Protein backbone atom coordinates (compact mmCIF):
# COMPACT_ATOMS: atom_id res chain seq x y z
CA UNK A 1 -12.44 -9.99 1.84
CA UNK A 2 -9.10 -9.31 3.64
CA UNK A 3 -7.26 -6.19 2.79
CA UNK A 4 -3.41 -6.23 4.24
CA UNK A 5 -1.82 -2.88 4.38
CA UNK A 6 1.74 -1.59 4.78
CA UNK A 7 3.60 1.54 4.15
CA UNK A 8 7.12 2.29 2.59
CA UNK A 9 8.24 5.61 3.96
CA UNK A 10 6.10 8.15 5.82
CA UNK A 11 4.83 11.46 5.02
CA UNK A 12 4.95 12.66 8.57
CA UNK A 13 8.49 11.47 9.52
CA UNK A 14 11.91 11.73 7.87
CA UNK A 15 13.35 8.81 5.95
CA UNK A 16 15.39 8.44 2.83
CA UNK A 17 12.22 7.67 0.56
CA UNK A 18 10.97 10.57 -1.44
CA UNK A 19 7.85 8.79 -2.41
CA UNK A 20 6.17 7.23 0.47
CA UNK A 21 3.73 4.36 -0.56
CA UNK A 22 0.89 2.66 0.97
CA UNK A 23 -0.16 -0.57 -0.43
CA UNK A 24 -3.06 -2.93 0.03
CA UNK A 25 -3.29 -6.63 -0.88
CA UNK A 26 -6.71 -7.71 -1.39
CA UNK A 27 -7.06 -11.50 -0.95
CA UNK A 28 -10.53 -13.67 -0.38
CA UNK A 29 -10.56 -15.19 2.99
CA UNK A 30 -11.15 -18.55 1.32
CA UNK A 31 -7.70 -18.26 -0.28
CA UNK A 32 -5.54 -17.17 2.63
CA UNK A 33 -4.55 -20.74 3.65
CA UNK A 34 -3.34 -21.33 0.25
CA UNK A 35 -1.44 -17.97 -0.20
CA UNK A 36 0.37 -18.77 3.17
CA UNK A 37 1.29 -22.44 2.37
CA UNK A 38 2.54 -21.22 -1.12
CA UNK A 39 4.77 -18.56 0.62
CA UNK A 40 6.19 -21.06 2.99
CA UNK A 41 7.10 -23.44 0.34
CA UNK A 42 8.56 -20.56 -1.58
CA UNK A 43 10.85 -19.54 1.23
CA UNK A 44 11.89 -23.22 1.77
CA UNK A 45 12.97 -23.44 -1.75
CA UNK A 46 14.93 -20.04 -1.72
CA UNK A 47 16.44 -19.52 1.72
CA UNK A 48 20.18 -20.47 2.09
CA UNK A 49 21.15 -23.25 4.41
CA UNK A 50 21.81 -20.71 7.35
CA UNK A 51 18.38 -19.01 7.21
CA UNK A 52 15.23 -20.54 8.90
CA UNK A 53 12.65 -20.16 6.22
CA UNK A 54 9.65 -20.49 8.65
CA UNK A 55 11.05 -17.44 10.79
CA UNK A 56 12.39 -15.50 7.62
CA UNK A 57 10.24 -12.26 7.10
CA UNK A 58 9.94 -10.80 3.59
CA UNK A 59 11.18 -7.17 3.86
CA UNK A 60 11.49 -4.86 0.94
CA UNK A 61 14.04 -2.90 2.92
CA UNK A 62 16.44 -5.94 2.67
CA UNK A 63 15.42 -7.72 -0.52
CA UNK A 64 15.03 -4.63 -2.83
CA UNK A 65 17.79 -2.44 -1.80
CA UNK A 66 20.55 -1.54 -4.45
CA UNK A 67 23.16 -3.16 -2.70
CA UNK A 68 21.25 -6.54 -1.98
CA UNK A 69 23.31 -9.62 -2.34
CA UNK A 70 22.88 -12.28 -4.85
CA UNK A 71 20.60 -14.56 -3.19
CA UNK A 72 18.41 -11.74 -2.01
CA UNK A 73 18.19 -10.50 -5.58
CA UNK A 74 17.12 -14.08 -6.78
CA UNK A 75 14.65 -14.19 -3.91
CA UNK A 76 13.08 -10.80 -5.18
CA UNK A 77 13.32 -11.98 -8.73
CA UNK A 78 11.30 -15.25 -8.10
CA UNK A 79 8.84 -13.39 -5.62
CA UNK A 80 7.53 -11.19 -8.30
CA UNK A 81 8.06 -13.20 -11.56
CA UNK A 82 6.79 -16.53 -9.88
CA UNK A 83 5.05 -16.21 -6.41
CA UNK A 84 3.26 -12.97 -6.79
CA UNK A 85 1.85 -13.72 -10.22
CA UNK A 86 0.65 -17.21 -9.25
CA UNK A 87 -1.93 -16.21 -6.72
CA UNK A 88 -4.82 -15.70 -8.98
CA UNK A 89 -7.33 -14.06 -6.44
CA UNK A 90 -4.67 -11.56 -5.18
CA UNK A 91 -5.32 -7.81 -6.22
CA UNK A 92 -3.34 -4.73 -5.63
CA UNK A 93 -4.26 -1.18 -4.60
CA UNK A 94 -1.58 1.44 -3.83
CA UNK A 95 -1.10 5.23 -3.44
CA UNK A 96 2.54 6.57 -4.31
CA UNK A 97 2.80 10.09 -2.97
CA UNK A 98 5.53 12.39 -3.63
CA UNK A 99 6.99 14.05 -0.35
CA UNK A 100 5.93 17.68 -0.17
CA UNK A 101 8.55 20.35 0.77
CA UNK A 102 7.59 19.80 4.54
CA UNK A 103 6.58 16.85 6.36
CA UNK A 104 2.75 16.49 7.03
CA UNK A 105 1.89 16.87 10.63
CA UNK A 106 0.91 13.80 12.45
CA UNK A 107 -2.79 14.45 12.75
CA UNK A 108 -4.74 12.98 15.90
CA UNK A 109 -8.21 13.57 14.50
CA UNK A 110 -8.42 12.89 10.79
CA UNK A 111 -7.58 9.90 8.80
CA UNK A 112 -4.58 10.81 6.51
CA UNK A 113 -5.56 11.40 3.01
CA UNK A 114 -3.55 8.65 1.48
CA UNK A 115 -5.30 6.29 3.61
CA UNK A 116 -8.57 7.66 2.57
CA UNK A 117 -7.61 7.24 -1.03
CA UNK A 118 -6.91 3.63 -0.22
CA UNK A 119 -10.32 3.09 1.50
CA UNK A 120 -11.96 4.54 -1.71
CA UNK A 121 -10.22 2.09 -3.93
CA UNK A 122 -10.96 -1.06 -1.85
CA UNK A 123 -14.65 0.18 -1.53
CA UNK A 124 -14.72 0.73 -5.28
CA UNK A 125 -13.45 -2.77 -5.91
CA UNK A 126 -15.87 -4.44 -3.43
CA UNK A 127 -18.80 -2.90 -4.92
CA UNK A 128 -17.73 -3.54 -8.46
CA UNK A 129 -16.80 -7.06 -8.15
CA UNK A 130 -18.26 -8.39 -4.88
CA UNK A 131 -20.97 -6.30 -3.78
CA UNK A 132 -22.18 -8.90 -1.12
CA UNK A 133 -18.85 -8.89 0.57
CA UNK A 134 -17.16 -6.61 3.16
CA UNK A 135 -13.43 -5.64 3.36
CA UNK A 136 -11.61 -6.17 6.52
CA UNK A 137 -8.59 -3.90 6.91
CA UNK A 138 -5.51 -5.32 8.74
CA UNK A 139 -2.68 -2.99 9.03
CA UNK A 140 1.04 -3.61 10.05
CA UNK A 141 1.28 -2.89 13.65
CA UNK A 142 3.36 0.21 14.72
CA UNK A 143 2.91 0.02 18.43
CA UNK A 144 -0.05 0.37 20.93
CA UNK A 145 -0.10 4.27 20.61
CA UNK A 146 0.14 4.44 16.75
CA UNK A 147 -2.23 1.65 16.21
CA UNK A 148 -4.67 3.38 18.66
CA UNK A 149 -4.50 6.64 16.66
CA UNK A 150 -4.95 5.15 13.39
CA UNK A 151 -7.92 2.96 14.66
CA UNK A 152 -9.64 6.18 16.01
CA UNK A 153 -8.96 8.02 12.66
CA UNK A 154 -10.19 5.16 10.61
CA UNK A 155 -13.48 4.71 12.58
CA UNK A 156 -14.26 8.39 12.88
CA UNK A 157 -13.61 8.91 9.18
CA UNK A 158 -16.16 6.05 8.29
CA UNK A 159 -18.80 7.11 10.77
CA UNK A 160 -18.56 10.79 10.78
CA UNK A 161 -17.13 12.15 7.53
CA UNK A 162 -19.59 12.48 4.72
CA UNK A 163 -17.37 10.65 2.24
CA UNK A 164 -16.50 7.92 4.67
CA UNK A 165 -20.04 7.05 5.32
CA UNK A 166 -20.55 6.27 1.80
CA UNK A 167 -18.14 3.29 2.19
CA UNK A 168 -19.82 1.79 5.27
CA UNK A 169 -21.84 -0.83 2.95
CA UNK A 170 -18.47 -2.16 1.93
CA UNK A 171 -15.82 -1.64 4.65
CA UNK A 172 -15.88 -3.15 8.16
CA UNK A 173 -15.47 0.09 10.15
CA UNK A 174 -12.97 -1.29 12.53
CA UNK A 175 -9.40 -1.98 11.46
CA UNK A 176 -7.22 -4.71 12.73
CA UNK A 177 -3.45 -4.72 13.43
CA UNK A 178 -0.92 -7.60 13.32
CA UNK A 179 2.94 -8.33 13.34
CA UNK A 180 4.24 -8.40 9.91
CA UNK A 181 6.37 -11.42 10.89
CA UNK A 182 3.40 -13.48 11.65
CA UNK A 183 1.00 -12.40 8.88
CA UNK A 184 1.98 -13.27 5.11
CA UNK A 185 -0.51 -10.78 3.89
CA UNK A 186 1.27 -7.79 5.44
CA UNK A 187 4.57 -9.23 4.01
CA UNK A 188 3.16 -9.14 0.75
CA UNK A 189 2.01 -5.59 1.17
CA UNK A 190 5.38 -4.55 2.28
CA UNK A 191 7.10 -5.96 -0.80
CA UNK A 192 4.58 -4.09 -3.12
CA UNK A 193 4.91 -0.95 -1.33
CA UNK A 194 8.66 -1.01 -1.00
CA UNK A 195 8.92 -1.90 -4.84
CA UNK A 196 6.68 0.96 -6.14
CA UNK A 197 8.36 3.57 -3.77
CA UNK A 198 11.91 2.63 -4.68
CA UNK A 199 10.86 2.30 -8.44
CA UNK A 200 9.27 5.88 -8.30
CA UNK A 201 12.48 7.22 -6.66
CA UNK A 202 14.75 5.81 -9.09
CA UNK A 203 12.41 6.97 -11.99
CA UNK A 204 12.50 10.58 -10.82
CA UNK A 205 16.04 10.75 -9.95
CA UNK A 206 17.27 9.25 -13.27
CA UNK A 207 20.60 8.04 -11.83
CA UNK A 208 22.23 6.35 -14.89
CA UNK A 209 24.78 4.51 -12.61
CA UNK A 210 21.77 2.60 -11.21
CA UNK A 211 20.24 1.79 -14.74
CA UNK A 212 20.35 -2.00 -14.17
CA UNK A 213 18.66 -1.65 -10.74
CA UNK A 214 15.98 0.70 -12.15
CA UNK A 215 15.39 -1.92 -14.88
CA UNK A 216 14.93 -4.60 -12.40
CA UNK A 217 12.40 -2.68 -10.46
CA UNK A 218 10.64 -1.66 -13.55
CA UNK A 219 9.98 -5.27 -14.47
CA UNK A 220 8.55 -5.88 -11.12
CA UNK A 221 6.21 -2.90 -11.26
CA UNK A 222 4.84 -4.24 -14.43
CA UNK A 223 4.01 -7.36 -12.75
CA UNK A 224 2.46 -5.61 -9.86
CA UNK A 225 0.33 -3.69 -12.27
CA UNK A 226 -0.96 -6.92 -13.77
CA UNK A 227 -2.48 -7.54 -10.40
CA UNK A 228 -4.15 -4.10 -9.98
CA UNK A 229 -7.76 -4.34 -8.73
CA UNK A 230 -10.55 -3.77 -11.32
CA UNK A 231 -12.09 -0.39 -10.48
CA UNK A 232 -15.30 1.00 -12.02
CA UNK A 233 -15.39 4.66 -13.34
CA UNK A 234 -17.08 7.00 -10.99
CA UNK A 235 -20.30 8.58 -11.32
CA UNK A 236 -18.69 11.96 -11.99
CA UNK A 237 -16.42 10.36 -14.68
CA UNK A 238 -13.44 10.79 -12.50
CA UNK A 239 -11.29 7.67 -13.73
CA UNK A 240 -10.13 5.71 -10.69
CA UNK A 241 -6.73 4.00 -10.84
CA UNK A 242 -5.85 0.99 -8.61
CA UNK A 243 -2.29 2.38 -8.24
CA UNK A 244 -2.23 6.25 -8.20
CA UNK A 245 0.83 8.39 -8.47
CA UNK A 246 0.39 11.55 -6.48
CA UNK A 247 2.39 14.46 -7.79
CA UNK A 248 4.37 16.80 -5.48
CA UNK A 249 2.09 19.68 -6.53
CA UNK A 250 -1.02 17.71 -5.11
CA UNK A 251 0.86 16.94 -1.83
CA UNK A 252 1.77 20.74 -1.66
CA UNK A 253 -1.81 21.54 -1.99
CA UNK A 254 -2.57 18.94 0.90
CA UNK A 255 0.05 20.79 3.01
CA UNK A 256 -1.30 24.17 2.13
CA UNK A 257 -4.67 23.00 3.50
CA UNK A 258 -3.41 21.70 6.73
CA UNK A 259 -1.18 24.81 7.49
CA UNK A 260 -4.25 27.10 6.79
CA UNK A 261 -6.14 24.78 9.33
CA UNK A 262 -8.68 23.70 6.84
CA UNK A 263 -7.55 20.06 7.47
CA UNK A 264 -9.51 18.32 4.70
CA UNK A 265 -12.33 17.77 6.97
CA UNK A 266 -15.19 18.14 4.38
CA UNK A 267 -13.36 17.62 1.09
CA UNK A 268 -13.64 14.40 -0.83
CA UNK A 269 -10.71 12.37 -2.22
CA UNK A 270 -11.93 13.42 -5.66
CA UNK A 271 -11.79 16.96 -4.70
CA UNK A 272 -8.22 16.84 -3.96
CA UNK A 273 -7.22 15.13 -6.95
CA UNK A 274 -9.24 17.12 -9.26
CA UNK A 275 -6.33 19.11 -10.60
CA UNK A 276 -3.92 16.13 -10.92
């Protein structure tokens, strides 16, 4: 099973997104050729004459911004209402985290908590729906230094953390990295993450002047929710949700742990969410 991941906004760096989001697109390996073929056909149908469809990269920052032009609005509309919904085997997991009062420090040792939540969801999906399979994580490349750091964090979490070790039966413990312009699964993850983060921003800001924009994003989010991965209830009766919205209160709790030097090295994902 392939899991393509991308982030919209960052919790450890400044940007204009108040609800940074990481999204994962889960697709069986056998389906990837058809997914890529359909996406190219989709681009060929919708790209204007002056845009090369084979080299056009789907980017939520271009297609989903408030000021997007008519053809980009139509592109996004068709992407969510036609293309995304047509891929039967595609499933979505995501974490939308409200930015805390301060930036989270870029940790060099521990895998960021929102990445751990994604791993937990993917593992749950694999064990629930295809227990004989393994998930291979493919991230959007952020450059050699960042990729190396995340790879180390990812591997050490799965091998050395008590919680991470529980996922070794369903997760290949080595992440891969690729250029989003070359890997359609990362393009899809970018569109989903961008839609969820922008929708949450608009929902919490309640800007009446942008009501039509919010309405459009709201329709797209409902279509994304129809593609949520089916997860089982955990043994402690903690209800897992494939798309989780993490409150500012919880992110402040994470920040407080880090500032006190506790660094979440022993706590499980469920412990951090227990007071949500």
